[in-house]
Amino acid sequence: MKNMVFEDYYDESFNARRSLEDPYSKVSISKEKYKKLTEIAEKYEMLLRKFDQVDAKKNELHKQLETLKEDGRQLKDLEEKTEKYLNSLIRVQADFENYKKANYRENERYRLRVKEEMLKKLIKHYEDLHRALKVLDSLKKGELVKKGFKMIVENFEKFLEDEGVKPMDSEGEKFDPYKHECLLVEENEDLPENTILEEIDQGYYLNNKVLKPAGVKISKKKSKL
């Protein structure tokens, strides 16, 4: 009988407390739902840790990106400096090439002047030998000497020819002050005035350039006065 009274009292007291509590403040769930919520919470914690790792990696990559940008700026500056030095080197190389060409041309002009002066002197010796040969030819004796001397003159002529020297043939040409020197004037009505009648002093070319002007006699019309 006492137990029944106690149980009735407990039920009434429990029901009274339940009636005083807020029905929305407590939620009852099943074990399966609780398990799922636990799994979701654990997964959330795992994702949160991964997020932190990814965020840290992102910050690291951001720092690396900033470093690369700085390296890129330095690389661009280096490329600009390199291009500047390269252009400077090209200009210096071009100046050096121009200097070499100018120096070569100047050396070539000097070499030609020296060669011309030397050949002029050799021509004088050749002409002396040629005059001496004419004298020897006028003699009746000394055929062996004449032959040997003639060979020397011919070798001299061959040497001058190999060097680009060739004699002028001015007779019959019109007088040209750039390659002729007037030594005598002779009146002549049959030829135009200033026609070369005779080449008194032999002239020579050096590769089609006047090496030694020819001394000539030219024609002149009679004065009408």
Protein backbone atom coordinates (compact mmCIF):
# COMPACT_ATOMS: atom_id res chain seq x y z
CA MET A 1 0.00 0.00 0.00
CA LYS A 2 2.89 2.33 0.83
CA ASN A 3 4.53 1.56 -2.51
CA MET A 4 1.43 2.48 -4.42
CA VAL A 5 1.20 5.77 -2.55
CA PHE A 6 4.86 6.55 -3.27
CA GLU A 7 4.53 5.71 -6.95
CA ASP A 8 1.45 7.83 -7.26
CA TYR A 9 3.27 10.69 -5.55
CA TYR A 10 6.27 10.33 -7.86
CA ASP A 11 4.12 10.30 -10.95
CA GLU A 12 2.22 13.35 -9.84
CA SER A 13 5.41 15.19 -8.88
CA PHE A 14 7.12 14.29 -12.19
CA ASN A 15 4.13 15.27 -14.20
CA ALA A 16 3.92 18.55 -12.29
CA ARG A 17 7.57 19.35 -13.09
CA ARG A 18 7.08 18.45 -16.72
CA SER A 19 4.13 20.79 -16.86
CA LEU A 20 6.31 23.63 -15.50
CA GLU A 21 9.20 23.10 -18.02
CA ASP A 22 9.35 24.78 -21.46
CA PRO A 23 8.41 22.17 -24.04
CA TYR A 24 10.85 23.81 -26.57
CA SER A 25 13.90 23.87 -24.26
CA LYS A 26 14.56 20.16 -24.53
CA VAL A 27 14.74 17.99 -27.61
CA SER A 28 14.78 14.26 -27.53
CA ILE A 29 16.61 12.45 -30.40
CA SER A 30 17.22 8.89 -31.25
CA LYS A 31 20.56 7.17 -30.97
CA GLU A 32 20.91 6.99 -34.74
CA LYS A 33 20.41 10.72 -35.12
CA TYR A 34 22.86 11.36 -32.27
CA LYS A 35 25.42 9.14 -34.01
CA LYS A 36 24.95 11.00 -37.27
CA LEU A 37 25.30 14.36 -35.52
CA THR A 38 28.49 13.12 -33.88
CA GLU A 39 29.87 12.01 -37.23
CA ILE A 40 28.94 15.37 -38.73
CA ALA A 41 30.67 17.19 -35.87
CA GLU A 42 33.81 15.07 -36.30
CA LYS A 43 33.76 15.67 -40.06
CA TYR A 44 33.32 19.38 -39.43
CA GLU A 45 36.34 19.36 -37.11
CA MET A 46 38.36 17.51 -39.74
CA LEU A 47 37.28 19.97 -42.46
CA LEU A 48 38.11 22.83 -40.15
CA ARG A 49 41.63 21.47 -39.68
CA LYS A 50 42.00 21.01 -43.45
CA PHE A 51 40.73 24.53 -43.97
CA ASP A 52 43.39 25.82 -41.58
CA GLN A 53 46.03 23.84 -43.47
CA VAL A 54 44.79 25.12 -46.84
CA ASP A 55 44.66 28.67 -45.49
CA ALA A 56 48.23 28.35 -44.22
CA LYS A 57 49.30 26.96 -47.61
CA LYS A 58 47.47 29.84 -49.30
CA ASN A 59 49.36 32.35 -47.17
CA GLU A 60 52.63 30.59 -47.99
CA LEU A 61 51.84 30.64 -51.72
CA HIS A 62 50.88 34.29 -51.46
CA LYS A 63 54.28 35.05 -49.93
CA GLN A 64 55.97 33.04 -52.68
CA LEU A 65 53.94 34.92 -55.28
CA GLU A 66 55.07 38.24 -53.82
CA THR A 67 58.65 36.96 -53.89
CA LEU A 68 58.22 35.94 -57.54
CA LYS A 69 56.79 39.35 -58.34
CA GLU A 70 59.82 40.98 -56.74
CA ASP A 71 62.07 38.59 -58.63
CA GLY A 72 60.14 39.45 -61.79
CA ARG A 73 60.73 43.15 -61.23
CA GLN A 74 64.40 42.47 -60.63
CA LEU A 75 64.49 40.27 -63.74
CA LYS A 76 62.85 43.01 -65.81
CA ASP A 77 65.35 45.54 -64.48
CA LEU A 78 68.16 43.12 -65.30
CA GLU A 79 66.77 42.60 -68.81
CA GLU A 80 66.60 46.37 -69.36
CA LYS A 81 70.17 46.79 -68.16
CA THR A 82 71.29 43.86 -70.30
CA GLU A 83 69.58 45.35 -73.37
CA LYS A 84 71.20 48.70 -72.63
CA TYR A 85 74.65 47.12 -72.34
CA LEU A 86 74.01 45.04 -75.47
CA ASN A 87 73.05 48.14 -77.47
CA SER A 88 76.13 49.88 -76.13
CA LEU A 89 78.24 46.89 -77.14
CA ILE A 90 76.70 46.90 -80.64
CA ARG A 91 77.51 50.61 -81.01
CA VAL A 92 81.07 50.04 -79.81
CA GLN A 93 81.44 47.10 -82.18
CA ALA A 94 80.07 49.18 -85.07
CA ASP A 95 82.46 52.02 -84.21
CA PHE A 96 85.33 49.54 -84.06
CA GLU A 97 84.36 48.06 -87.44
CA ASN A 98 84.17 51.56 -88.92
CA TYR A 99 87.55 52.34 -87.42
CA LYS A 100 89.01 49.15 -88.90
CA LYS A 101 87.59 50.00 -92.33
CA ALA A 102 88.80 53.60 -92.15
CA ASN A 103 92.21 52.42 -90.94
CA TYR A 104 92.35 49.85 -93.73
CA ARG A 105 91.43 52.47 -96.34
CA GLU A 106 94.05 54.86 -94.98
CA ASN A 107 96.68 52.11 -94.96
CA GLU A 108 95.68 51.13 -98.47
CA ARG A 109 95.99 54.72 -99.68
CA TYR A 110 99.37 55.00 -98.00
CA ARG A 111 100.50 51.69 -99.51
CA LEU A 112 99.41 52.83 -102.98
CA ARG A 113 101.21 56.17 -102.59
CA VAL A 114 104.40 54.37 -101.57
CA LYS A 115 103.97 51.93 -104.45
CA GLU A 116 103.38 54.76 -106.93
CA GLU A 117 106.47 56.63 -105.80
CA MET A 118 108.56 53.48 -105.96
CA LEU A 119 107.27 52.60 -109.43
CA LYS A 120 107.98 56.14 -110.66
CA LYS A 121 111.59 55.73 -109.60
CA LEU A 122 111.77 52.29 -111.21
CA ILE A 123 110.33 53.71 -114.44
CA LYS A 124 113.17 56.24 -114.55
CA HIS A 125 115.67 53.40 -114.19
CA TYR A 126 113.84 51.42 -116.85
CA GLU A 127 113.92 54.34 -119.27
CA ASP A 128 117.64 54.79 -118.61
CA LEU A 129 118.17 51.10 -119.38
CA HIS A 130 116.01 51.37 -122.49
CA ARG A 131 118.07 54.34 -123.78
CA ALA A 132 121.25 52.44 -123.01
CA LEU A 133 119.91 49.49 -125.01
CA LYS A 134 119.31 51.77 -128.01
CA VAL A 135 122.90 52.95 -127.78
CA LEU A 136 124.12 49.35 -127.65
CA ASP A 137 121.96 48.42 -130.62
CA SER A 138 123.70 51.14 -132.65
CA LEU A 139 127.04 49.45 -132.10
CA LYS A 140 128.27 46.86 -134.52
CA LYS A 141 130.03 44.68 -131.98
CA GLY A 142 129.11 43.15 -128.64
CA GLU A 143 126.20 40.94 -129.64
CA LEU A 144 126.39 38.90 -126.44
CA VAL A 145 126.33 42.05 -124.33
CA LYS A 146 123.40 43.38 -126.36
CA LYS A 147 121.51 40.14 -125.88
CA GLY A 148 122.11 40.04 -122.14
CA PHE A 149 121.21 43.72 -121.73
CA LYS A 150 118.07 43.24 -123.81
CA MET A 151 117.03 40.37 -121.52
CA ILE A 152 117.47 42.63 -118.48
CA VAL A 153 115.26 45.31 -120.07
CA GLU A 154 112.60 42.75 -121.02
CA ASN A 155 112.56 41.36 -117.45
CA PHE A 156 112.18 44.91 -116.17
CA GLU A 157 109.25 45.45 -118.56
CA LYS A 158 107.64 42.20 -117.36
CA PHE A 159 108.03 43.27 -113.73
CA LEU A 160 106.36 46.64 -114.40
CA GLU A 161 103.55 44.94 -116.31
CA ASP A 162 102.92 42.52 -113.45
CA GLU A 163 102.64 45.50 -111.09
CA GLY A 164 99.91 47.03 -113.29
CA VAL A 165 102.11 49.51 -115.15
CA LYS A 166 101.51 49.96 -118.85
CA PRO A 167 102.76 52.64 -121.28
CA MET A 168 100.48 55.26 -122.78
CA ASP A 169 99.86 55.54 -126.50
CA SER A 170 98.92 59.20 -126.79
CA GLU A 171 99.76 60.01 -130.41
CA GLY A 172 96.64 61.14 -132.31
CA GLU A 173 94.64 61.74 -129.12
CA LYS A 174 93.24 65.10 -128.03
CA PHE A 175 95.42 66.82 -125.46
CA ASP A 176 94.24 66.11 -121.89
CA PRO A 177 95.94 68.19 -119.17
CA TYR A 178 95.15 65.45 -116.61
CA LYS A 179 97.43 62.95 -118.35
CA HIS A 180 99.52 64.97 -120.78
CA GLU A 181 102.16 67.61 -120.37
CA CYS A 182 102.68 69.94 -123.32
CA LEU A 183 106.38 70.23 -124.17
CA LEU A 184 106.17 71.54 -127.77
CA VAL A 185 103.60 73.19 -130.03
CA GLU A 186 103.65 72.87 -133.82
CA GLU A 187 101.45 74.57 -136.38
CA ASN A 188 99.38 72.09 -138.37
CA GLU A 189 96.44 72.83 -140.64
CA ASP A 190 95.60 69.20 -141.38
CA LEU A 191 94.64 68.23 -137.80
CA PRO A 192 92.32 69.76 -135.21
CA GLU A 193 94.01 72.04 -132.76
CA ASN A 194 95.45 70.42 -129.60
CA THR A 195 95.93 67.07 -131.33
CA ILE A 196 98.96 65.18 -130.00
CA LEU A 197 101.50 64.92 -132.80
CA GLU A 198 104.23 63.10 -130.91
CA GLU A 199 104.85 61.57 -127.48
CA ILE A 200 108.26 62.95 -126.60
CA ASP A 201 108.43 61.62 -123.03
CA GLN A 202 106.66 58.28 -122.47
CA GLY A 203 103.67 58.34 -120.12
CA TYR A 204 102.45 55.42 -118.00
CA TYR A 205 99.26 54.16 -116.35
CA LEU A 206 98.98 52.25 -113.10
CA ASN A 207 95.80 50.19 -113.22
CA ASN A 208 94.14 52.76 -115.53
CA LYS A 209 95.29 55.62 -113.28
CA VAL A 210 97.88 58.09 -114.54
CA LEU A 211 101.19 57.21 -112.94
CA LYS A 212 103.41 59.45 -115.03
CA PRO A 213 102.03 62.03 -117.48
CA ALA A 214 103.28 61.92 -121.04
CA GLY A 215 105.34 64.83 -122.40
CA VAL A 216 103.84 65.60 -125.81
CA LYS A 217 103.96 67.87 -128.85
CA ILE A 218 100.56 69.22 -129.89
CA SER A 219 99.16 70.86 -133.01
CA LYS A 220 98.18 74.47 -133.35
CA LYS A 221 96.42 76.39 -136.09
CA LYS A 222 98.26 79.22 -137.83
CA SER A 223 97.49 82.65 -136.55
CA LYS A 224 95.32 84.63 -138.92
CA LEU A 225 96.91 87.95 -137.94
